[in-house]
PDB file of N, CA and C in Angstrom:
ATOM      1  N   MET A   1       0.418  -1.190  -0.087  1.00  0.00           N
ATOM      2  CA  MET A   1       0.157   0.093  -0.123  1.00  0.00           C
ATOM      3  C   MET A   1       0.581   1.262   0.131  1.00  0.00           C
ATOM      4  N   ASN A   2       0.725   2.405  -0.822  1.00  0.00           N
ATOM      5  CA  ASN A   2       1.362   3.442  -1.063  1.00  0.00           C
ATOM      6  C   ASN A   2       0.897   4.611  -0.629  1.00  0.00           C
ATOM      7  N   LYS A   3       1.417   5.750   0.392  1.00  0.00           N
ATOM      8  CA  LYS A   3       0.806   6.367   0.747  1.00  0.00           C
ATOM      9  C   LYS A   3      -0.737   7.409   0.634  1.00  0.00           C
ATOM     10  N   GLU A   4      -0.755   7.507  -0.615  1.00  0.00           N
ATOM     11  CA  GLU A   4      -2.133   8.031  -1.524  1.00  0.00           C
ATOM     12  C   GLU A   4      -3.525   6.623  -0.720  1.00  0.00           C
ATOM     13  N   GLU A   5      -2.866   5.411  -1.127  1.00  0.00           N
ATOM     14  CA  GLU A   5      -3.735   4.486  -1.040  1.00  0.00           C
ATOM     15  C   GLU A   5      -4.178   4.215   0.738  1.00  0.00           C
ATOM     16  N   MET A   6      -3.335   4.804   1.156  1.00  0.00           N
ATOM     17  CA  MET A   6      -3.281   4.507   2.937  1.00  0.00           C
ATOM     18  C   MET A   6      -3.419   5.924   3.298  1.00  0.00           C
ATOM     19  N   ASN A   7      -3.584   6.997   2.503  1.00  0.00           N
ATOM     20  CA  ASN A   7      -4.281   7.967   3.002  1.00  0.00           C
ATOM     21  C   ASN A   7      -5.902   7.837   2.602  1.00  0.00           C
ATOM     22  N   PHE A   8      -5.980   7.257   1.604  1.00  0.00           N
ATOM     23  CA  PHE A   8      -7.793   6.916   1.248  1.00  0.00           C
ATOM     24  C   PHE A   8      -8.486   5.625   1.700  1.00  0.00           C
ATOM     25  N   THR A   9      -7.473   5.091   2.608  1.00  0.00           N
ATOM     26  CA  THR A   9      -8.098   4.211   3.385  1.00  0.00           C
ATOM     27  C   THR A   9      -8.701   4.823   4.688  1.00  0.00           C
ATOM     28  N   ILE A  10      -7.621   5.323   5.470  1.00  0.00           N
ATOM     29  CA  ILE A  10      -8.016   6.034   6.737  1.00  0.00           C
ATOM     30  C   ILE A  10      -9.468   6.948   6.191  1.00  0.00           C
ATOM     31  N   TYR A  11      -9.362   8.074   5.303  1.00  0.00           N
ATOM     32  CA  TYR A  11     -10.537   8.785   4.798  1.00  0.00           C
ATOM     33  C   TYR A  11     -12.234   7.825   4.763  1.00  0.00           C
ATOM     34  N   CYS A  12     -11.323   6.749   4.012  1.00  0.00           N
ATOM     35  CA  CYS A  12     -13.118   6.031   3.991  1.00  0.00           C
ATOM     36  C   CYS A  12     -13.245   5.632   5.236  1.00  0.00           C
ATOM     37  N   VAL A  13     -12.325   4.451   6.227  1.00  0.00           N
ATOM     38  CA  VAL A  13     -12.874   4.834   7.431  1.00  0.00           C
ATOM     39  C   VAL A  13     -12.948   5.475   8.103  1.00  0.00           C
ATOM     40  N   GLY A  14     -12.685   6.393   8.046  1.00  0.00           N
ATOM     41  CA  GLY A  14     -13.490   7.766   9.080  1.00  0.00           C
ATOM     42  C   GLY A  14     -14.758   8.283   8.702  1.00  0.00           C
ATOM     43  N   ILE A  15     -14.699   8.510   7.527  1.00  0.00           N
ATOM     44  CA  ILE A  15     -16.317   8.480   6.709  1.00  0.00           C
ATOM     45  C   ILE A  15     -17.585   8.071   6.910  1.00  0.00           C
ATOM     46  N   VAL A  16     -17.203   6.630   6.770  1.00  0.00           N
ATOM     47  CA  VAL A  16     -18.030   5.348   7.007  1.00  0.00           C
ATOM     48  C   VAL A  16     -18.367   5.180   8.512  1.00  0.00           C
ATOM     49  N   ALA A  17     -17.309   5.285   9.550  1.00  0.00           N
ATOM     50  CA  ALA A  17     -17.405   5.212  10.560  1.00  0.00           C
ATOM     51  C   ALA A  17     -18.401   6.615  11.083  1.00  0.00           C
ATOM     52  N   GLU A  18     -17.952   7.907  10.865  1.00  0.00           N
ATOM     53  CA  GLU A  18     -18.694   8.531  11.214  1.00  0.00           C
ATOM     54  C   GLU A  18     -20.544   8.741  10.676  1.00  0.00           C
ATOM     55  N   SER A  19     -20.470   8.081   9.364  1.00  0.00           N
ATOM     56  CA  SER A  19     -22.154   8.097   8.912  1.00  0.00           C
ATOM     57  C   SER A  19     -22.481   6.889   9.822  1.00  0.00           C
ATOM     58  N   LEU A  20     -21.584   6.551  10.482  1.00  0.00           N
ATOM     59  CA  LEU A  20     -22.787   5.281  11.103  1.00  0.00           C
ATOM     60  C   LEU A  20     -22.494   5.483  12.701  1.00  0.00           C
ATOM     61  N   GLY A  21     -21.918   6.863  13.237  1.00  0.00           N
ATOM     62  CA  GLY A  21     -22.122   7.233  14.242  1.00  0.00           C
ATOM     63  C   GLY A  21     -21.321   5.839  15.259  1.00  0.00           C
ATOM     64  N   ARG A  22     -20.282   5.395  14.579  1.00  0.00           N
ATOM     65  CA  ARG A  22     -19.564   4.565  15.307  1.00  0.00           C
ATOM     66  C   ARG A  22     -17.714   5.012  15.700  1.00  0.00           C
ATOM     67  N   ASP A  23     -17.166   4.353  16.113  1.00  0.00           N
ATOM     68  CA  ASP A  23     -15.949   4.994  16.326  1.00  0.00           C
ATOM     69  C   ASP A  23     -14.938   4.027  15.250  1.00  0.00           C
ATOM     70  N   ALA A  24     -13.962   5.302  14.830  1.00  0.00           N
ATOM     71  CA  ALA A  24     -12.778   5.080  13.640  1.00  0.00           C
ATOM     72  C   ALA A  24     -12.696   3.252  13.802  1.00  0.00           C
ATOM     73  N   SER A  25     -11.499   3.040  14.745  1.00  0.00           N
ATOM     74  CA  SER A  25     -11.111   2.263  15.458  1.00  0.00           C
ATOM     75  C   SER A  25     -11.866   0.897  14.797  1.00  0.00           C
ATOM     76  N   GLU A  26     -13.195   1.146  15.499  1.00  0.00           N
ATOM     77  CA  GLU A  26     -14.366  -0.471  15.662  1.00  0.00           C
ATOM     78  C   GLU A  26     -14.585  -0.251  14.014  1.00  0.00           C
ATOM     79  N   ILE A  27     -14.481   0.616  13.180  1.00  0.00           N
ATOM     80  CA  ILE A  27     -15.103   0.387  11.915  1.00  0.00           C
ATOM     81  C   ILE A  27     -13.682  -0.408  11.065  1.00  0.00           C
ATOM     82  N   TYR A  28     -12.317  -0.033  11.396  1.00  0.00           N
ATOM     83  CA  TYR A  28     -11.085  -0.182  11.305  1.00  0.00           C
ATOM     84  C   TYR A  28     -11.356  -1.506  11.279  1.00  0.00           C
ATOM     85  N   ARG A  29     -11.203  -2.180  12.551  1.00  0.00           N
ATOM     86  CA  ARG A  29     -11.232  -3.706  13.026  1.00  0.00           C
ATOM     87  C   ARG A  29     -12.133  -4.316  12.316  1.00  0.00           C
ATOM     88  N   ILE A  30     -13.248  -3.930  11.561  1.00  0.00           N
ATOM     89  CA  ILE A  30     -14.873  -5.208  10.813  1.00  0.00           C
ATOM     90  C   ILE A  30     -14.084  -4.784   9.516  1.00  0.00           C
ATOM     91  N   MET A  31     -13.668  -3.849   9.165  1.00  0.00           N
ATOM     92  CA  MET A  31     -13.119  -3.569   7.530  1.00  0.00           C
ATOM     93  C   MET A  31     -11.974  -4.602   7.481  1.00  0.00           C
ATOM     94  N   GLN A  32     -10.826  -4.487   8.360  1.00  0.00           N
ATOM     95  CA  GLN A  32      -9.397  -5.010   8.252  1.00  0.00           C
ATOM     96  C   GLN A  32     -10.227  -6.783   8.695  1.00  0.00           C
ATOM     97  N   LYS A  33     -10.834  -7.467   9.636  1.00  0.00           N
ATOM     98  CA  LYS A  33     -11.537  -8.953   9.485  1.00  0.00           C
ATOM     99  C   LYS A  33     -11.879  -9.482   8.520  1.00  0.00           C
ATOM    100  N   ALA A  34     -12.840  -8.376   7.842  1.00  0.00           N
ATOM    101  CA  ALA A  34     -13.568  -8.911   6.157  1.00  0.00           C
ATOM    102  C   ALA A  34     -12.715  -8.719   5.047  1.00  0.00           C
ATOM    103  N   ASN A  35     -11.331  -8.491   5.369  1.00  0.00           N
ATOM    104  CA  ASN A  35     -10.668  -8.117   4.138  1.00  0.00           C
ATOM    105  C   ASN A  35     -11.216  -7.121   3.032  1.00  0.00           C
ATOM    106  N   LEU A  36     -12.045  -5.910   3.223  1.00  0.00           N
ATOM    107  CA  LEU A  36     -12.750  -5.040   2.642  1.00  0.00           C
ATOM    108  C   LEU A  36     -11.394  -4.029   2.871  1.00  0.00           C
ATOM    109  N   ILE A  37     -10.120  -3.989   3.354  1.00  0.00           N
ATOM    110  CA  ILE A  37      -9.249  -2.543   2.965  1.00  0.00           C
ATOM    111  C   ILE A  37      -8.362  -3.480   2.193  1.00  0.00           C
ATOM    112  N   MET A  38      -7.642  -4.097   2.113  1.00  0.00           N
ATOM    113  CA  MET A  38      -6.793  -4.734   1.389  1.00  0.00           C
ATOM    114  C   MET A  38      -7.610  -5.619   0.177  1.00  0.00           C
ATOM    115  N   GLY A  39      -8.726  -6.181  -0.015  1.00  0.00           N
ATOM    116  CA  GLY A  39      -9.888  -6.577  -0.649  1.00  0.00           C
ATOM    117  C   GLY A  39     -10.208  -5.767  -1.679  1.00  0.00           C
ATOM    118  N   TYR A  40     -10.219  -4.653  -1.042  1.00  0.00           N
ATOM    119  CA  TYR A  40     -11.783  -3.983  -1.822  1.00  0.00           C
ATOM    120  C   TYR A  40     -10.897  -2.573  -2.228  1.00  0.00           C
ATOM    121  N   ILE A  41     -10.910  -1.854  -0.856  1.00  0.00           N
ATOM    122  CA  ILE A  41     -10.520  -0.266  -0.976  1.00  0.00           C
ATOM    123  C   ILE A  41      -9.034  -0.299  -1.696  1.00  0.00           C
ATOM    124  N   VAL A  42      -8.512  -0.538  -1.571  1.00  0.00           N
ATOM    125  CA  VAL A  42      -6.746  -0.786  -1.580  1.00  0.00           C
ATOM    126  C   VAL A  42      -6.719  -1.597  -3.331  1.00  0.00           C
ATOM    127  N   PRO A  43      -7.216  -2.155  -3.608  1.00  0.00           N
ATOM    128  CA  PRO A  43      -7.253  -3.191  -5.114  1.00  0.00           C
ATOM    129  C   PRO A  43      -8.097  -1.853  -6.468  1.00  0.00           C
ATOM    130  N   CYS A  44      -9.093  -1.334  -5.707  1.00  0.00           N
ATOM    131  CA  CYS A  44      -9.916  -0.314  -6.168  1.00  0.00           C
ATOM    132  C   CYS A  44     -10.075   1.113  -5.951  1.00  0.00           C
ATOM    133  N   PHE A  45      -8.664   1.951  -5.463  1.00  0.00           N
ATOM    134  CA  PHE A  45      -8.322   2.288  -5.142  1.00  0.00           C
ATOM    135  C   PHE A  45      -8.418   3.765  -6.163  1.00  0.00           C
ATOM    136  N   ASP A  46      -7.816   3.217  -7.232  1.00  0.00           N
ATOM    137  CA  ASP A  46      -7.914   4.393  -8.676  1.00  0.00           C
ATOM    138  C   ASP A  46      -9.245   4.395  -8.877  1.00  0.00           C
ATOM    139  N   VAL A  47     -10.372   3.666  -8.973  1.00  0.00           N
ATOM    140  CA  VAL A  47     -12.009   4.066  -9.323  1.00  0.00           C
ATOM    141  C   VAL A  47     -12.408   4.719  -7.837  1.00  0.00           C
ATOM    142  N   LEU A  48     -12.270   4.281  -6.852  1.00  0.00           N
ATOM    143  CA  LEU A  48     -12.908   4.951  -5.799  1.00  0.00           C
ATOM    144  C   LEU A  48     -12.830   5.822  -5.549  1.00  0.00           C
ATOM    145  N   HIS A  49     -11.662   6.683  -5.829  1.00  0.00           N
ATOM    146  CA  HIS A  49     -11.382   8.227  -5.249  1.00  0.00           C
ATOM    147  C   HIS A  49     -11.388   9.062  -6.276  1.00  0.00           C
ATOM    148  N   THR A  50     -11.986   8.406  -7.314  1.00  0.00           N
ATOM    149  CA  THR A  50     -13.422   9.771  -7.720  1.00  0.00           C
ATOM    150  C   THR A  50     -14.364   9.929  -7.772  1.00  0.00           C
ATOM    151  N   PHE A  51     -14.702   8.871  -7.003  1.00  0.00           N
ATOM    152  CA  PHE A  51     -16.007   9.095  -6.602  1.00  0.00           C
ATOM    153  C   PHE A  51     -16.115  10.137  -5.096  1.00  0.00           C
ATOM    154  N   SER A  52     -17.777  11.170  -5.122  1.00  0.00           N
ATOM    155  CA  SER A  52     -17.906  11.706  -4.440  1.00  0.00           C
ATOM    156  C   SER A  52     -18.016  10.571  -2.731  1.00  0.00           C
ATOM    157  N   LYS A  53     -17.543  12.008  -2.034  1.00  0.00           N
ATOM    158  CA  LYS A  53     -18.084  11.533  -0.723  1.00  0.00           C
ATOM    159  C   LYS A  53     -19.354  10.070   0.315  1.00  0.00           C
ATOM    160  N   GLU A  54     -20.498  10.518  -0.337  1.00  0.00           N
ATOM    161  CA  GLU A  54     -21.660  10.338  -0.226  1.00  0.00           C
ATOM    162  C   GLU A  54     -21.819   8.906  -1.076  1.00  0.00           C
ATOM    163  N   TYR A  55     -20.915   9.044  -2.281  1.00  0.00           N
ATOM    164  CA  TYR A  55     -21.150   7.436  -3.096  1.00  0.00           C
ATOM    165  C   TYR A  55     -19.842   6.333  -2.245  1.00  0.00           C
ATOM    166  N   ILE A  56     -18.731   6.982  -1.680  1.00  0.00           N
ATOM    167  CA  ILE A  56     -18.352   5.904  -0.937  1.00  0.00           C
ATOM    168  C   ILE A  56     -18.660   5.405   0.390  1.00  0.00           C
ATOM    169  N   ILE A  57     -19.702   6.312   1.301  1.00  0.00           N
ATOM    170  CA  ILE A  57     -20.211   5.643   1.816  1.00  0.00           C
ATOM    171  C   ILE A  57     -21.198   5.136   1.970  1.00  0.00           C
ATOM    172  N   GLU A  58     -22.118   5.135   1.193  1.00  0.00           N
ATOM    173  CA  GLU A  58     -22.838   3.915   0.557  1.00  0.00           C
ATOM    174  C   GLU A  58     -22.597   2.977   0.093  1.00  0.00           C
ATOM    175  N   ASP A  59     -21.416   2.507  -0.520  1.00  0.00           N
ATOM    176  CA  ASP A  59     -20.929   1.525  -1.716  1.00  0.00           C
ATOM    177  C   ASP A  59     -20.351   0.960  -0.198  1.00  0.00           C
ATOM    178  N   ILE A  60     -19.615   1.371   0.396  1.00  0.00           N
ATOM    179  CA  ILE A  60     -18.492   0.581   1.296  1.00  0.00           C
ATOM    180  C   ILE A  60     -19.446  -0.178   2.307  1.00  0.00           C
ATOM    181  N   THR A  61     -20.811   0.789   2.745  1.00  0.00           N
ATOM    182  CA  THR A  61     -21.304   0.588   3.812  1.00  0.00           C
ATOM    183  C   THR A  61     -22.422  -0.715   3.506  1.00  0.00           C
ATOM    184  N   ASN A  62     -22.835  -0.555   1.724  1.00  0.00           N
ATOM    185  CA  ASN A  62     -23.514  -1.419   0.778  1.00  0.00           C
ATOM    186  C   ASN A  62     -22.908  -3.144   1.024  1.00  0.00           C
ATOM    187  N   LEU A  63     -21.343  -2.996   0.770  1.00  0.00           N
ATOM    188  CA  LEU A  63     -21.012  -3.977   0.869  1.00  0.00           C
ATOM    189  C   LEU A  63     -20.915  -4.451   2.304  1.00  0.00           C
ATOM    190  N   MET A  64     -20.655  -4.195   3.366  1.00  0.00           N
ATOM    191  CA  MET A  64     -20.319  -4.057   4.427  1.00  0.00           C
ATOM    192  C   MET A  64     -21.804  -5.191   5.144  1.00  0.00           C
ATOM    193  N   LYS A  65     -22.819  -4.381   4.415  1.00  0.00           N
ATOM    194  CA  LYS A  65     -24.265  -5.339   4.603  1.00  0.00           C
ATOM    195  C   LYS A  65     -24.033  -6.533   3.921  1.00  0.00           C
ATOM    196  N   LYS A  66     -23.788  -6.503   2.773  1.00  0.00           N
ATOM    197  CA  LYS A  66     -23.680  -7.955   2.036  1.00  0.00           C
ATOM    198  C   LYS A  66     -23.162  -8.880   2.524  1.00  0.00           C
ATOM    199  N   LYS A  67     -22.139  -8.644   3.540  1.00  0.00           N
ATOM    200  CA  LYS A  67     -20.430  -9.443   4.093  1.00  0.00           C
ATOM    201  C   LYS A  67     -21.155  -9.672   5.342  1.00  0.00           C
ATOM    202  N   GLY A  68     -22.967  -9.043   5.634  1.00  0.00           N
ATOM    203  CA  GLY A  68     -23.396  -9.224   7.046  1.00  0.00           C
ATOM    204  C   GLY A  68     -22.526  -8.795   8.872  1.00  0.00           C
ATOM    205  N   LEU A  69     -21.629  -7.561   8.158  1.00  0.00           N
ATOM    206  CA  LEU A  69     -21.277  -7.004   8.638  1.00  0.00           C
ATOM    207  C   LEU A  69     -22.133  -5.629   9.688  1.00  0.00           C
ATOM    208  N   LEU A  70     -23.231  -5.760   8.924  1.00  0.00           N
ATOM    209  CA  LEU A  70     -24.028  -4.589   9.186  1.00  0.00           C
ATOM    210  C   LEU A  70     -25.646  -4.824   9.226  1.00  0.00           C
ATOM    211  N   LEU A  71     -26.369  -4.718  10.166  1.00  0.00           N
ATOM    212  CA  LEU A  71     -27.518  -4.681   9.955  1.00  0.00           C
ATOM    213  C   LEU A  71     -28.085  -4.083   8.671  1.00  0.00           C
ATOM    214  N   SER A  72     -28.567  -4.185   7.934  1.00  0.00           N
ATOM    215  CA  SER A  72     -29.821  -3.863   6.951  1.00  0.00           C
ATOM    216  C   SER A  72     -30.491  -2.583   7.348  1.00  0.00           C
TER     217      SER A  72
END
């Protein structure tokens, strides 16, 4: 993971946590355990970082719901 990918990952974790009203460290652990960081956010960085904050939040939270990490 390069510096841009790391900064973007931190951004994603932060905005998802804020939107869910949860602690960023908790959301990071959930994402890490479910392989969402190295399995989705980092590999898709080139595309994801071009989207709006709202789109990123919706995309990641929908993925988390599909994986059973959040209640629908």
